[in-house]
Amino acid sequence: ENNVDAQGKVTDDHLEFILKNTSAQDMSNFEAYYTVTDLTTGKSEGYYKKLTGFVLKSGESKSVHFDGKSGADHFGVNRDGLYFTSKNKLQFDVQVSTAGFQIANIQITKDAGGAEVKD
């Protein structure tokens, strides 16, 4: 929401979350599965992504962006999916995993109204 990323820079609407590595080992080979649910209609979509190239060093926190842009820590999206077509309130249920570590579960809600504007 508010079209700014975690560092406060202006950005397009997209799904972004921060992961933190609290282990003593670097982490890589991540996979993500997330569902998008329209909380008005109940319609839901699921997506699987390999987070190719995403690495978390021991003690590091880093943002993951599902925005369709290229570059480090940015991954593709379905521009025809609920996130871009529904004007209703949406819920994202995200699971991020890599072998040998506990699965991260994240829940994010996007307000109704389509593209957000800065408050």
N, C-alpha and C. Protein backbone atom coordinates (compact mmCIF):
# COMPACT_ATOMS: atom_id res chain seq x y z
N GLU A 1 0.83 -1.19 0.00
CA GLU A 1 0.00 0.00 0.00
C GLU A 1 0.87 1.25 0.00
N ASN A 2 0.28 2.37 -0.33
CA ASN A 2 0.93 3.68 -0.31
C ASN A 2 2.04 3.83 -1.32
N ASN A 3 2.23 2.81 -2.18
CA ASN A 3 3.18 2.90 -3.29
C ASN A 3 4.60 3.28 -2.87
N VAL A 4 5.03 2.81 -1.71
CA VAL A 4 6.43 2.95 -1.32
C VAL A 4 6.93 1.58 -0.87
N ASP A 5 8.20 1.31 -1.14
CA ASP A 5 8.76 0.03 -0.72
C ASP A 5 9.23 0.11 0.73
N ALA A 6 9.86 -0.96 1.21
CA ALA A 6 10.28 -1.03 2.61
C ALA A 6 11.30 0.05 2.97
N GLN A 7 12.00 0.59 1.98
CA GLN A 7 12.97 1.66 2.23
C GLN A 7 12.38 3.04 2.03
N GLY A 8 11.07 3.13 1.71
CA GLY A 8 10.41 4.42 1.54
C GLY A 8 10.48 4.99 0.14
N LYS A 9 11.03 4.24 -0.81
CA LYS A 9 11.12 4.71 -2.20
C LYS A 9 9.77 4.51 -2.89
N VAL A 10 9.38 5.47 -3.74
CA VAL A 10 8.14 5.36 -4.50
C VAL A 10 8.24 4.16 -5.44
N THR A 11 7.16 3.36 -5.52
CA THR A 11 7.14 2.17 -6.36
C THR A 11 5.72 1.86 -6.81
N ASP A 12 5.58 1.03 -7.84
CA ASP A 12 4.28 0.57 -8.30
C ASP A 12 3.72 -0.43 -7.28
N ASP A 13 2.40 -0.61 -7.29
CA ASP A 13 1.78 -1.63 -6.45
C ASP A 13 2.40 -2.99 -6.77
N HIS A 14 2.76 -3.73 -5.73
CA HIS A 14 3.25 -5.09 -5.90
C HIS A 14 3.28 -5.78 -4.55
N LEU A 15 3.43 -7.09 -4.57
CA LEU A 15 3.55 -7.87 -3.35
C LEU A 15 5.00 -7.84 -2.90
N GLU A 16 5.22 -7.37 -1.67
CA GLU A 16 6.57 -7.30 -1.12
C GLU A 16 6.52 -7.76 0.32
N PHE A 17 7.50 -8.56 0.71
CA PHE A 17 7.64 -8.96 2.10
C PHE A 17 9.12 -9.09 2.42
N ILE A 18 9.44 -9.05 3.70
CA ILE A 18 10.83 -9.11 4.15
C ILE A 18 11.08 -10.44 4.85
N LEU A 19 12.17 -11.09 4.49
CA LEU A 19 12.60 -12.31 5.16
C LEU A 19 13.88 -12.01 5.94
N LYS A 20 14.01 -12.66 7.10
CA LYS A 20 15.21 -12.50 7.92
C LYS A 20 15.79 -13.87 8.23
N ASN A 21 17.10 -13.99 8.04
CA ASN A 21 17.81 -15.23 8.35
C ASN A 21 18.38 -15.11 9.76
N THR A 22 17.80 -15.85 10.69
CA THR A 22 18.27 -15.82 12.08
C THR A 22 19.22 -16.98 12.38
N SER A 23 19.58 -17.75 11.36
CA SER A 23 20.48 -18.88 11.56
C SER A 23 21.94 -18.46 11.39
N ALA A 24 22.82 -19.40 11.66
CA ALA A 24 24.26 -19.17 11.49
C ALA A 24 24.74 -19.54 10.09
N GLN A 25 23.81 -19.99 9.23
CA GLN A 25 24.16 -20.42 7.87
C GLN A 25 23.51 -19.51 6.83
N ASP A 26 24.17 -19.35 5.69
CA ASP A 26 23.54 -18.67 4.56
C ASP A 26 22.42 -19.57 4.02
N MET A 27 21.38 -18.94 3.47
CA MET A 27 20.23 -19.68 2.94
C MET A 27 20.06 -19.35 1.47
N SER A 28 19.73 -20.37 0.66
CA SER A 28 19.49 -20.17 -0.77
C SER A 28 18.52 -21.24 -1.26
N ASN A 29 18.27 -21.27 -2.56
CA ASN A 29 17.35 -22.24 -3.17
C ASN A 29 15.94 -22.15 -2.58
N PHE A 30 15.45 -20.93 -2.41
CA PHE A 30 14.12 -20.70 -1.86
C PHE A 30 13.04 -21.03 -2.88
N GLU A 31 11.87 -21.42 -2.36
CA GLU A 31 10.66 -21.59 -3.13
C GLU A 31 9.55 -20.86 -2.41
N ALA A 32 8.61 -20.32 -3.17
CA ALA A 32 7.47 -19.63 -2.57
C ALA A 32 6.18 -20.16 -3.18
N TYR A 33 5.19 -20.34 -2.33
CA TYR A 33 3.84 -20.66 -2.79
C TYR A 33 2.93 -19.65 -2.12
N TYR A 34 2.09 -18.99 -2.91
CA TYR A 34 1.16 -18.06 -2.30
C TYR A 34 -0.20 -18.13 -2.96
N THR A 35 -1.22 -17.85 -2.13
CA THR A 35 -2.58 -17.74 -2.66
C THR A 35 -3.03 -16.30 -2.49
N VAL A 36 -3.85 -15.88 -3.43
CA VAL A 36 -4.50 -14.57 -3.39
C VAL A 36 -5.99 -14.87 -3.31
N THR A 37 -6.67 -14.34 -2.29
CA THR A 37 -8.09 -14.58 -2.12
C THR A 37 -8.84 -13.26 -2.11
N ASP A 38 -9.84 -13.15 -2.95
CA ASP A 38 -10.73 -11.99 -2.96
C ASP A 38 -11.70 -12.18 -1.79
N LEU A 39 -11.62 -11.32 -0.79
CA LEU A 39 -12.41 -11.49 0.42
C LEU A 39 -13.88 -11.16 0.25
N THR A 40 -14.27 -10.60 -0.90
CA THR A 40 -15.69 -10.33 -1.18
C THR A 40 -16.32 -11.50 -1.94
N THR A 41 -15.64 -11.97 -2.99
CA THR A 41 -16.21 -13.03 -3.83
C THR A 41 -15.80 -14.43 -3.39
N GLY A 42 -14.71 -14.54 -2.62
CA GLY A 42 -14.19 -15.84 -2.21
C GLY A 42 -13.33 -16.51 -3.26
N LYS A 43 -13.19 -15.90 -4.44
CA LYS A 43 -12.35 -16.47 -5.50
C LYS A 43 -10.90 -16.47 -5.04
N SER A 44 -10.17 -17.53 -5.39
CA SER A 44 -8.79 -17.66 -4.95
C SER A 44 -7.92 -18.19 -6.08
N GLU A 45 -6.66 -17.76 -6.10
CA GLU A 45 -5.67 -18.22 -7.07
C GLU A 45 -4.40 -18.60 -6.32
N GLY A 46 -3.69 -19.62 -6.80
CA GLY A 46 -2.44 -20.03 -6.18
C GLY A 46 -1.29 -19.94 -7.16
N TYR A 47 -0.11 -19.57 -6.65
CA TYR A 47 1.08 -19.41 -7.48
C TYR A 47 2.29 -20.02 -6.80
N TYR A 48 3.14 -20.66 -7.60
CA TYR A 48 4.39 -21.24 -7.14
C TYR A 48 5.53 -20.56 -7.88
N LYS A 49 6.57 -20.18 -7.14
CA LYS A 49 7.75 -19.54 -7.75
C LYS A 49 9.02 -20.07 -7.10
N LYS A 50 10.00 -20.41 -7.92
CA LYS A 50 11.35 -20.64 -7.41
C LYS A 50 11.99 -19.26 -7.31
N LEU A 51 12.57 -18.95 -6.19
CA LEU A 51 13.20 -17.64 -6.00
C LEU A 51 14.66 -17.73 -6.43
N THR A 52 14.84 -17.97 -7.70
CA THR A 52 16.17 -18.16 -8.29
C THR A 52 17.06 -16.96 -8.02
N GLY A 53 18.24 -17.23 -7.46
CA GLY A 53 19.20 -16.16 -7.20
C GLY A 53 19.02 -15.47 -5.86
N PHE A 54 17.93 -15.74 -5.15
CA PHE A 54 17.69 -15.09 -3.86
C PHE A 54 18.50 -15.81 -2.78
N VAL A 55 19.38 -15.08 -2.11
CA VAL A 55 20.23 -15.62 -1.05
C VAL A 55 20.12 -14.72 0.17
N LEU A 56 19.99 -15.36 1.34
CA LEU A 56 20.00 -14.63 2.61
C LEU A 56 21.22 -15.07 3.39
N LYS A 57 22.14 -14.15 3.62
CA LYS A 57 23.31 -14.46 4.43
C LYS A 57 22.90 -14.51 5.89
N SER A 58 23.69 -15.17 6.69
CA SER A 58 23.41 -15.29 8.11
C SER A 58 23.19 -13.90 8.73
N GLY A 59 22.06 -13.73 9.42
CA GLY A 59 21.74 -12.46 10.07
C GLY A 59 21.16 -11.39 9.17
N GLU A 60 21.04 -11.66 7.89
CA GLU A 60 20.57 -10.66 6.92
C GLU A 60 19.05 -10.63 6.80
N SER A 61 18.50 -9.44 6.57
CA SER A 61 17.09 -9.24 6.22
C SER A 61 17.05 -8.68 4.80
N LYS A 62 16.08 -9.17 4.01
CA LYS A 62 16.01 -8.72 2.63
C LYS A 62 14.57 -8.81 2.13
N SER A 63 14.18 -7.85 1.27
CA SER A 63 12.84 -7.84 0.68
C SER A 63 12.77 -8.75 -0.54
N VAL A 64 11.61 -9.39 -0.69
CA VAL A 64 11.27 -10.16 -1.88
C VAL A 64 10.15 -9.38 -2.57
N HIS A 65 10.29 -9.17 -3.88
CA HIS A 65 9.31 -8.39 -4.65
C HIS A 65 8.68 -9.26 -5.73
N PHE A 66 7.35 -9.37 -5.70
CA PHE A 66 6.62 -9.98 -6.81
C PHE A 66 6.01 -8.83 -7.60
N ASP A 67 6.75 -8.39 -8.63
CA ASP A 67 6.35 -7.19 -9.36
C ASP A 67 6.57 -7.29 -10.87
N GLY A 68 7.12 -8.40 -11.32
CA GLY A 68 7.35 -8.57 -12.75
C GLY A 68 8.57 -7.85 -13.28
N LYS A 69 9.30 -7.17 -12.42
CA LYS A 69 10.52 -6.48 -12.87
C LYS A 69 11.68 -7.46 -12.88
N SER A 70 12.71 -7.12 -13.63
CA SER A 70 13.90 -7.96 -13.66
C SER A 70 14.91 -7.42 -12.65
N GLY A 71 15.85 -8.25 -12.28
CA GLY A 71 16.88 -7.83 -11.35
C GLY A 71 16.83 -8.64 -10.07
N ALA A 72 17.83 -8.42 -9.25
CA ALA A 72 17.96 -9.15 -7.99
C ALA A 72 16.72 -8.97 -7.12
N ASP A 73 16.22 -10.08 -6.59
CA ASP A 73 15.13 -10.11 -5.61
C ASP A 73 13.77 -9.70 -6.18
N HIS A 74 13.63 -9.66 -7.51
CA HIS A 74 12.37 -9.34 -8.18
C HIS A 74 11.91 -10.56 -8.97
N PHE A 75 10.61 -10.86 -8.89
CA PHE A 75 10.08 -12.07 -9.50
C PHE A 75 8.78 -11.76 -10.23
N GLY A 76 8.42 -12.64 -11.18
CA GLY A 76 7.28 -12.44 -12.05
C GLY A 76 5.93 -12.51 -11.33
N VAL A 77 4.93 -11.93 -11.98
CA VAL A 77 3.56 -11.94 -11.48
C VAL A 77 2.61 -12.18 -12.64
N ASN A 78 1.37 -12.54 -12.31
CA ASN A 78 0.32 -12.70 -13.31
C ASN A 78 -0.46 -11.40 -13.39
N ARG A 79 -0.20 -10.61 -14.41
CA ARG A 79 -0.88 -9.31 -14.56
C ARG A 79 -2.38 -9.45 -14.85
N ASP A 80 -2.82 -10.67 -15.19
CA ASP A 80 -4.24 -10.91 -15.43
C ASP A 80 -4.92 -11.55 -14.21
N GLY A 81 -4.19 -11.69 -13.12
CA GLY A 81 -4.72 -12.33 -11.92
C GLY A 81 -5.48 -11.36 -11.02
N LEU A 82 -5.99 -11.89 -9.92
CA LEU A 82 -6.80 -11.12 -8.98
C LEU A 82 -6.11 -9.86 -8.47
N TYR A 83 -4.81 -9.94 -8.22
CA TYR A 83 -4.12 -8.79 -7.64
C TYR A 83 -4.27 -7.54 -8.51
N PHE A 84 -4.26 -7.74 -9.83
CA PHE A 84 -4.33 -6.60 -10.73
C PHE A 84 -5.73 -6.33 -11.28
N THR A 85 -6.66 -7.28 -11.10
CA THR A 85 -7.99 -7.10 -11.70
C THR A 85 -9.10 -6.86 -10.68
N SER A 86 -8.94 -7.31 -9.45
CA SER A 86 -9.99 -7.15 -8.45
C SER A 86 -9.86 -5.82 -7.72
N LYS A 87 -10.97 -5.16 -7.49
CA LYS A 87 -10.99 -3.92 -6.71
C LYS A 87 -11.37 -4.19 -5.26
N ASN A 88 -11.59 -5.47 -4.92
CA ASN A 88 -12.00 -5.86 -3.57
C ASN A 88 -10.79 -6.03 -2.65
N LYS A 89 -11.04 -6.14 -1.36
CA LYS A 89 -10.00 -6.42 -0.38
C LYS A 89 -9.45 -7.82 -0.67
N LEU A 90 -8.13 -7.95 -0.68
CA LEU A 90 -7.47 -9.22 -1.00
C LEU A 90 -6.62 -9.69 0.16
N GLN A 91 -6.56 -11.01 0.31
CA GLN A 91 -5.68 -11.61 1.31
C GLN A 91 -4.65 -12.47 0.61
N PHE A 92 -3.40 -12.31 1.00
CA PHE A 92 -2.29 -13.11 0.49
C PHE A 92 -1.81 -14.02 1.61
N ASP A 93 -1.74 -15.31 1.33
CA ASP A 93 -1.16 -16.27 2.26
C ASP A 93 0.08 -16.83 1.58
N VAL A 94 1.23 -16.54 2.15
CA VAL A 94 2.51 -16.84 1.52
C VAL A 94 3.28 -17.86 2.37
N GLN A 95 3.85 -18.85 1.71
CA GLN A 95 4.77 -19.78 2.35
C GLN A 95 6.08 -19.73 1.58
N VAL A 96 7.18 -19.53 2.32
CA VAL A 96 8.51 -19.50 1.71
C VAL A 96 9.33 -20.58 2.40
N SER A 97 10.03 -21.38 1.59
CA SER A 97 10.79 -22.48 2.18
C SER A 97 12.11 -22.69 1.46
N THR A 98 13.02 -23.34 2.18
CA THR A 98 14.26 -23.86 1.63
C THR A 98 14.64 -25.07 2.48
N ALA A 99 15.28 -26.04 1.87
CA ALA A 99 15.59 -27.29 2.55
C ALA A 99 16.39 -27.06 3.83
N GLY A 100 15.99 -27.76 4.89
CA GLY A 100 16.73 -27.71 6.15
C GLY A 100 16.32 -26.61 7.10
N PHE A 101 15.34 -25.79 6.71
CA PHE A 101 14.91 -24.68 7.56
C PHE A 101 13.38 -24.68 7.68
N GLN A 102 12.90 -24.08 8.75
CA GLN A 102 11.45 -23.98 8.98
C GLN A 102 10.80 -23.13 7.90
N ILE A 103 9.60 -23.50 7.49
CA ILE A 103 8.84 -22.74 6.51
C ILE A 103 8.38 -21.42 7.12
N ALA A 104 8.53 -20.34 6.37
CA ALA A 104 8.02 -19.03 6.79
C ALA A 104 6.61 -18.87 6.26
N ASN A 105 5.66 -18.53 7.14
CA ASN A 105 4.27 -18.28 6.76
C ASN A 105 3.98 -16.80 6.97
N ILE A 106 3.47 -16.16 5.94
CA ILE A 106 3.22 -14.72 5.97
C ILE A 106 1.80 -14.49 5.47
N GLN A 107 1.06 -13.62 6.16
CA GLN A 107 -0.27 -13.24 5.69
C GLN A 107 -0.30 -11.73 5.52
N ILE A 108 -0.76 -11.30 4.35
CA ILE A 108 -0.79 -9.88 3.99
C ILE A 108 -2.18 -9.55 3.47
N THR A 109 -2.73 -8.40 3.86
CA THR A 109 -4.03 -7.98 3.35
C THR A 109 -3.86 -6.69 2.57
N LYS A 110 -4.47 -6.63 1.38
CA LYS A 110 -4.48 -5.42 0.56
C LYS A 110 -5.87 -4.82 0.63
N ASP A 111 -5.95 -3.55 0.94
CA ASP A 111 -7.23 -2.86 1.03
C ASP A 111 -7.96 -2.84 -0.30
N ALA A 112 -9.26 -2.66 -0.24
CA ALA A 112 -10.09 -2.56 -1.44
C ALA A 112 -9.75 -1.27 -2.20
N GLY A 113 -10.07 -1.26 -3.49
CA GLY A 113 -9.95 -0.02 -4.24
C GLY A 113 -8.99 -0.01 -5.38
N GLY A 114 -8.31 -1.11 -5.67
CA GLY A 114 -7.36 -1.12 -6.78
C GLY A 114 -6.04 -0.50 -6.36
N ALA A 115 -5.38 0.13 -7.30
CA ALA A 115 -4.06 0.71 -7.04
C ALA A 115 -4.16 1.72 -5.90
N GLU A 116 -3.22 1.61 -4.99
CA GLU A 116 -3.21 2.50 -3.82
C GLU A 116 -2.53 3.82 -4.17
N VAL A 117 -2.91 4.84 -3.45
CA VAL A 117 -2.24 6.13 -3.57
C VAL A 117 -1.69 6.50 -2.21
N LYS A 118 -0.59 7.21 -2.18
CA LYS A 118 0.07 7.57 -0.94
C LYS A 118 -0.85 8.43 -0.08
N ASP A 119 -0.92 8.13 1.24
CA ASP A 119 -1.73 8.90 2.17
C ASP A 119 -1.19 10.31 2.34
